[in-house]
Every structure is written in C-alpha cells, then in structure tokens.
Amino acid sequence: MTTPFDMTGHTVWVTGSGSGIGTAIAQLFASSGANVVLHGLNQHDVTGKLKAEIEARGGRALALDGDLTDAARVKEMCAEIETEMGGLSILVNCAGGSPRKSTIAEMEEDAWDQVIEKNLKTVFLVSHAAIPMLRKAANPAIVNVSSCVTRSGGVPGGAAYATAKGGVDVLTRALAKELAPEGIRVNAVAPGLVDSPFHVGDAKEKYAHLIARIPLARIGEPEDLAGPALFLASSAAAYVTGEIIEVSGGTRLVS
C-alpha cells in the first residue's frame, strides 16, 4: 500500500545538500523512494559520501558540484541531470547563506551583491533552467527554502539576507501563479532558528536569548525542515501552491 509520501518514481534535485537542512531533505527524500540529485559548492567529498550512503541503502543518487550563481554552470548541471537521471520532477532550492553580515550604513556594495546572488539569484537561475524538465514530468513541484526573518528584518547585520529571502517569498508566489496552469506547484518552507553549519560558532550558545523565547522551547534541527519540504512536494499537498510554511517552533506566536 502506497502513501502520499511515497516518492518512488520521482527525481528530486536538492541544491545546497552538502550540509545542514539540504542534507536532511535529501536523506528524507531518498528514504521515501525518490532518486536524489545532490549538490554542493566545492563539496565533492561530502556529497560523494552521501551519494554512497544512499546507494548502499538501495537508492539512486547523482552528486553535482558547482556555483549556482553561474548561469552557464547551472545549465550544465541540468543537462547532466537529464542525461544521467532521465529528467527531474521535484526541485528543492535550498542553497544559500549569510556570509557577510553588516549594517546597511556600513555595508559594501559587493557584500550586498554577494548575499543577494547567493540567496535569490540562485533560486531564479536554477528554477529557470529546471522548468523545461519539470514541464515534462508527472506531478512536478518546486519547494524553496526561505526564512522567517522576512517578517522581522533579521538579526543585526542581516539586512541583505532578510531582503534576499523576502525576494524568495515573492518569487515563490510569482512562480506559483505562472506555473499553475501547467500543473507545476511552487511553495516554500521558512525556517526559524536552526542548529546547522549555516551559523558561525555554536548557535545554541550564541542565540540562547532567542531560543528562550521559542514556544516549543528548543532550537530547530535540520530534520525539522525535511518533513514539511517532503509534504509540499508530495501528493498530500496536491492542492497547495503559492504557500510559505513557517517552521519555527511557534516563533510567529511571540514575534
């Protein structure tokens, strides 16, 4: 007996799956029967190991490496997916980060550009390149990874990141509207504070004051985002598009 979360027959590309939330999402899709395309930036060893683990459990995986801000490289990766995996039915845009924090008053232009490109331009470039494959797939879907900082403006120095993720929210809705007539659903998950390599240092220690205010009384784990991402890509969410699900332990209730 199959369930709505049986992803057998699907091929999913999870960008940024070399660590943290991306890794957890890729692992859950693989355990749910999907063929998985892994991706990292200069992370051959990490994604290669994850590929081997998936294959050892009887799954099928492809590991890609490349800069998602480079349109030509993104197109090359899509060509590799089509050749090696026969197409793509689910795209999870998870790659991102906040490498250069600064106040707006002190921020250098290239720092702003780097954060916007890493978090917003990549979603555009990958989605743009993947749409032709999604159009040919059965029950296709895109799941973007946004952030709950779009409501608050982010942590001090995180204005560029919050702005980029706000753009991801709008792009999610715009893509959902454009692609709905073709049966391609587009949604997003918006993590709250998550204990992952995204943060420099120990997030539990650095953000203890924020964790104390979370209604569920703990920091999020990467695995907490994997389930909602799987739901949005699955047939259980067949009538859901243009939505952004916040996964923050109830932070929305107090902020």
Protein backbone atom coordinates (compact mmCIF):
# COMPACT_ATOMS: atom_id res chain seq x y z
CA MET A 1 0.00 0.00 0.00
CA THR A 2 1.45 3.34 -1.04
CA THR A 3 1.14 6.56 0.96
CA PRO A 4 1.06 10.19 -0.22
CA PHE A 5 4.66 10.42 0.92
CA ASP A 6 5.93 7.55 -1.24
CA MET A 7 8.19 9.37 -3.71
CA THR A 8 9.05 6.32 -5.82
CA GLY A 9 9.37 7.36 -9.45
CA HIS A 10 10.30 10.95 -8.63
CA THR A 11 13.70 12.51 -9.17
CA VAL A 12 14.47 15.42 -6.84
CA TRP A 13 17.32 17.92 -7.06
CA VAL A 14 18.21 19.41 -3.67
CA THR A 15 20.58 22.33 -4.07
CA GLY A 16 22.85 23.01 -1.12
CA SER A 17 22.57 19.41 0.05
CA GLY A 18 26.17 19.22 1.25
CA SER A 19 25.23 20.24 4.79
CA GLY A 20 22.50 21.16 7.24
CA ILE A 21 18.92 21.47 6.04
CA GLY A 22 19.79 20.42 2.49
CA THR A 23 21.37 17.18 3.66
CA ALA A 24 18.37 16.35 5.86
CA ILE A 25 15.95 17.00 3.00
CA ALA A 26 17.95 14.87 0.56
CA GLN A 27 18.15 12.00 3.05
CA LEU A 28 14.39 12.03 3.71
CA PHE A 29 13.51 12.09 0.00
CA ALA A 30 15.90 9.18 -0.59
CA SER A 31 14.37 7.17 2.26
CA SER A 32 10.94 7.91 0.75
CA GLY A 33 11.94 6.27 -2.54
CA ALA A 34 12.99 9.23 -4.68
CA ASN A 35 16.03 9.35 -6.90
CA VAL A 36 18.13 12.19 -5.50
CA VAL A 37 20.42 14.70 -7.18
CA LEU A 38 22.81 16.12 -4.61
CA HIS A 39 24.58 19.43 -4.96
CA GLY A 40 27.36 21.31 -3.24
CA LEU A 41 29.95 24.00 -3.89
CA ASN A 42 33.43 22.55 -3.59
CA GLN A 43 31.98 19.72 -1.52
CA HIS A 44 32.83 16.70 -3.67
CA ASP A 45 33.87 14.61 -0.67
CA VAL A 46 30.73 15.34 1.34
CA THR A 47 28.21 14.83 -1.44
CA GLY A 48 30.13 11.80 -2.69
CA LYS A 49 29.86 10.21 0.73
CA LEU A 50 26.14 10.99 0.92
CA LYS A 51 25.66 9.51 -2.56
CA ALA A 52 27.40 6.32 -1.46
CA GLU A 53 25.20 6.09 1.65
CA ILE A 54 22.02 6.46 -0.41
CA GLU A 55 23.17 3.84 -2.90
CA ALA A 56 24.16 1.45 -0.11
CA ARG A 57 20.54 1.54 1.03
CA GLY A 58 19.36 0.64 -2.47
CA GLY A 59 18.64 4.18 -3.67
CA ARG A 60 19.82 6.06 -6.71
CA ALA A 61 21.78 9.31 -6.47
CA LEU A 62 23.83 11.72 -8.55
CA ALA A 63 26.29 14.18 -6.99
CA LEU A 64 26.91 17.53 -8.71
CA ASP A 65 29.19 20.38 -7.73
CA GLY A 66 29.12 23.94 -8.95
CA ASP A 67 28.44 27.63 -8.46
CA LEU A 68 24.70 28.30 -8.74
CA THR A 69 25.30 32.00 -9.43
CA ASP A 70 26.92 30.95 -12.73
CA ALA A 71 24.11 30.55 -15.29
CA ALA A 72 26.26 28.50 -17.65
CA ARG A 73 27.20 26.03 -14.92
CA VAL A 74 23.58 25.72 -13.82
CA LYS A 75 22.58 24.80 -17.39
CA GLU A 76 25.41 22.24 -17.49
CA MET A 77 24.13 20.65 -14.29
CA CYS A 78 20.60 20.46 -15.69
CA ALA A 79 21.97 18.75 -18.79
CA GLU A 80 23.80 16.24 -16.55
CA ILE A 81 20.57 15.53 -14.66
CA GLU A 82 18.65 14.92 -17.87
CA THR A 83 21.37 12.65 -19.23
CA GLU A 84 22.09 10.68 -16.06
CA MET A 85 18.67 10.61 -14.37
CA GLY A 86 16.32 10.96 -17.33
CA GLY A 87 14.72 14.16 -16.11
CA LEU A 88 13.52 15.94 -12.99
CA SER A 89 10.16 16.14 -11.24
CA ILE A 90 10.95 17.99 -8.00
CA LEU A 91 13.30 20.90 -7.35
CA VAL A 92 14.24 21.97 -3.82
CA ASN A 93 16.07 25.30 -3.82
CA CYS A 94 17.95 25.10 -0.53
CA ALA A 95 21.35 26.64 -1.32
CA GLY A 96 22.01 29.92 0.47
CA GLY A 97 23.77 31.55 3.36
CA SER A 98 24.70 34.82 5.03
CA PRO A 99 28.47 35.04 4.59
CA ARG A 100 28.97 38.78 5.11
CA LYS A 101 26.93 40.49 7.82
CA SER A 102 26.91 44.26 8.03
CA THR A 103 24.62 47.15 8.82
CA ILE A 104 23.21 48.92 5.79
CA ALA A 105 25.16 52.06 6.73
CA GLU A 106 28.47 50.16 6.71
CA MET A 107 27.78 47.58 4.00
CA GLU A 108 29.95 47.49 0.90
CA GLU A 109 28.20 47.10 -2.43
CA ASP A 110 29.92 43.84 -3.30
CA ALA A 111 28.87 42.34 0.06
CA TRP A 112 25.24 43.21 -0.69
CA ASP A 113 25.52 41.74 -4.18
CA GLN A 114 27.11 38.53 -2.89
CA VAL A 115 24.33 37.84 -0.39
CA ILE A 116 21.54 38.67 -2.85
CA GLU A 117 23.09 36.48 -5.54
CA LYS A 118 23.71 33.57 -3.17
CA ASN A 119 20.17 33.50 -1.82
CA LEU A 120 17.90 34.96 -4.51
CA LYS A 121 19.62 34.88 -7.90
CA THR A 122 20.40 31.20 -7.43
CA VAL A 123 16.69 30.39 -6.98
CA PHE A 124 15.92 32.23 -10.21
CA LEU A 125 18.74 30.65 -12.22
CA VAL A 126 18.10 27.09 -11.05
CA SER A 127 14.33 27.33 -11.42
CA HIS A 128 14.66 28.92 -14.86
CA ALA A 129 16.98 26.14 -16.04
CA ALA A 130 14.94 23.32 -14.47
CA ILE A 131 11.47 24.34 -15.68
CA PRO A 132 11.81 22.62 -19.08
CA MET A 133 12.41 19.29 -17.31
CA LEU A 134 9.62 19.90 -14.79
CA ARG A 135 7.19 20.58 -17.64
CA LYS A 136 7.77 17.05 -18.92
CA ALA A 137 7.36 15.38 -15.50
CA ALA A 138 4.36 13.88 -13.76
CA ASN A 139 3.21 15.78 -10.65
CA PRO A 140 6.08 18.30 -10.67
CA ALA A 141 6.82 20.68 -7.81
CA ILE A 142 9.28 23.30 -6.64
CA VAL A 143 9.99 23.83 -2.94
CA ASN A 144 12.04 26.87 -1.98
CA VAL A 145 13.74 27.42 1.35
CA SER A 146 13.06 30.92 2.64
CA SER A 147 13.35 32.16 6.23
CA CYS A 148 11.16 33.60 8.96
CA VAL A 149 13.49 36.63 9.05
CA THR A 150 11.38 38.04 6.22
CA ARG A 151 8.91 39.09 8.94
CA SER A 152 11.38 40.56 11.42
CA GLY A 153 14.09 42.04 9.22
CA GLY A 154 16.62 39.55 10.60
CA VAL A 155 19.39 39.65 13.15
CA PRO A 156 21.67 42.71 13.43
CA GLY A 157 23.77 42.86 10.29
CA GLY A 158 21.46 40.51 8.43
CA ALA A 159 19.54 43.03 6.33
CA ALA A 160 20.84 41.74 2.99
CA TYR A 161 19.96 38.14 3.86
CA ALA A 162 16.47 39.08 5.07
CA THR A 163 15.92 41.11 1.90
CA ALA A 164 17.05 38.24 -0.30
CA LYS A 165 14.74 35.80 1.47
CA GLY A 166 11.90 38.30 1.12
CA GLY A 167 12.60 38.13 -2.59
CA VAL A 168 12.40 34.33 -2.41
CA ASP A 169 8.92 34.65 -0.86
CA VAL A 170 7.72 36.90 -3.69
CA LEU A 171 9.39 34.75 -6.35
CA THR A 172 7.69 31.69 -4.86
CA ARG A 173 4.27 33.28 -5.27
CA ALA A 174 5.06 34.66 -8.72
CA LEU A 175 6.30 31.28 -9.96
CA ALA A 176 3.28 29.56 -8.44
CA LYS A 177 0.98 31.89 -10.37
CA GLU A 178 2.90 31.49 -13.64
CA LEU A 179 3.27 27.73 -13.50
CA ALA A 180 -0.10 26.70 -12.04
CA PRO A 181 -1.72 26.41 -15.50
CA GLU A 182 0.95 23.82 -16.36
CA GLY A 183 0.37 21.82 -13.19
CA ILE A 184 3.68 22.78 -11.56
CA ARG A 185 3.19 23.64 -7.88
CA VAL A 186 5.55 26.07 -6.15
CA ASN A 187 5.73 26.51 -2.38
CA ALA A 188 8.30 27.32 0.30
CA VAL A 189 9.33 26.46 3.83
CA ALA A 190 10.57 29.25 6.09
CA PRO A 191 12.89 28.00 8.84
CA GLY A 192 13.24 29.71 12.15
CA LEU A 193 16.44 29.33 14.16
CA VAL A 194 18.07 26.03 13.18
CA ASP A 195 21.20 24.40 14.59
CA SER A 196 23.25 23.88 11.43
CA PRO A 197 26.56 24.84 9.77
CA PHE A 198 24.76 27.94 8.47
CA HIS A 199 25.82 29.61 11.70
CA VAL A 200 29.37 30.52 12.63
CA GLY A 201 30.03 29.03 16.06
CA ASP A 202 27.62 27.34 18.46
CA ALA A 203 24.11 28.55 17.62
CA LYS A 204 22.70 27.22 20.90
CA GLU A 205 25.13 29.38 22.84
CA LYS A 206 25.15 32.39 20.51
CA TYR A 207 21.37 32.65 20.30
CA ALA A 208 20.38 31.40 23.77
CA HIS A 209 18.34 34.58 24.31
CA LEU A 210 16.28 33.82 21.20
CA ILE A 211 15.84 30.14 21.99
CA ALA A 212 14.42 31.09 25.40
CA ARG A 213 11.53 32.82 23.60
CA ILE A 214 10.61 29.92 21.29
CA PRO A 215 7.27 28.42 22.42
CA LEU A 216 8.44 24.83 21.76
CA ALA A 217 11.46 25.62 23.98
CA ARG A 218 14.23 24.36 21.71
CA ILE A 219 16.27 25.27 18.67
CA GLY A 220 15.26 23.67 15.37
CA GLU A 221 17.17 20.80 13.82
CA PRO A 222 17.70 20.31 10.06
CA GLU A 223 15.40 17.29 10.15
CA ASP A 224 12.56 19.55 11.31
CA LEU A 225 12.52 21.14 7.84
CA ALA A 226 12.75 17.90 5.88
CA GLY A 227 9.22 16.72 6.70
CA PRO A 228 7.48 19.95 5.63
CA ALA A 229 9.55 20.02 2.41
CA LEU A 230 8.54 16.44 1.64
CA PHE A 231 4.90 17.25 2.35
CA LEU A 232 4.89 20.21 -0.05
CA ALA A 233 6.45 18.10 -2.82
CA SER A 234 4.14 15.14 -2.26
CA SER A 235 0.66 14.28 -3.48
CA ALA A 236 -0.58 15.09 0.04
CA ALA A 237 -0.17 18.75 -0.98
CA ALA A 238 -1.63 18.34 -4.48
CA TYR A 239 -3.96 21.33 -3.97
CA VAL A 240 -1.36 23.57 -2.33
CA THR A 241 0.59 26.18 -4.29
CA GLY A 242 1.94 29.65 -3.58
CA GLU A 243 2.19 28.97 0.16
CA ILE A 244 5.04 29.58 2.59
CA ILE A 245 5.03 27.35 5.67
CA GLU A 246 6.92 28.73 8.64
CA VAL A 247 8.78 26.06 10.60
CA SER A 248 10.00 27.88 13.69
CA GLY A 249 8.77 26.16 16.83
CA GLY A 250 5.99 28.72 17.19
CA THR A 251 8.19 31.82 16.97
CA ARG A 252 5.43 33.51 14.97
CA LEU A 253 3.29 33.47 18.13
CA VAL A 254 5.65 35.74 20.02
CA SER A 255 7.22 37.95 17.35
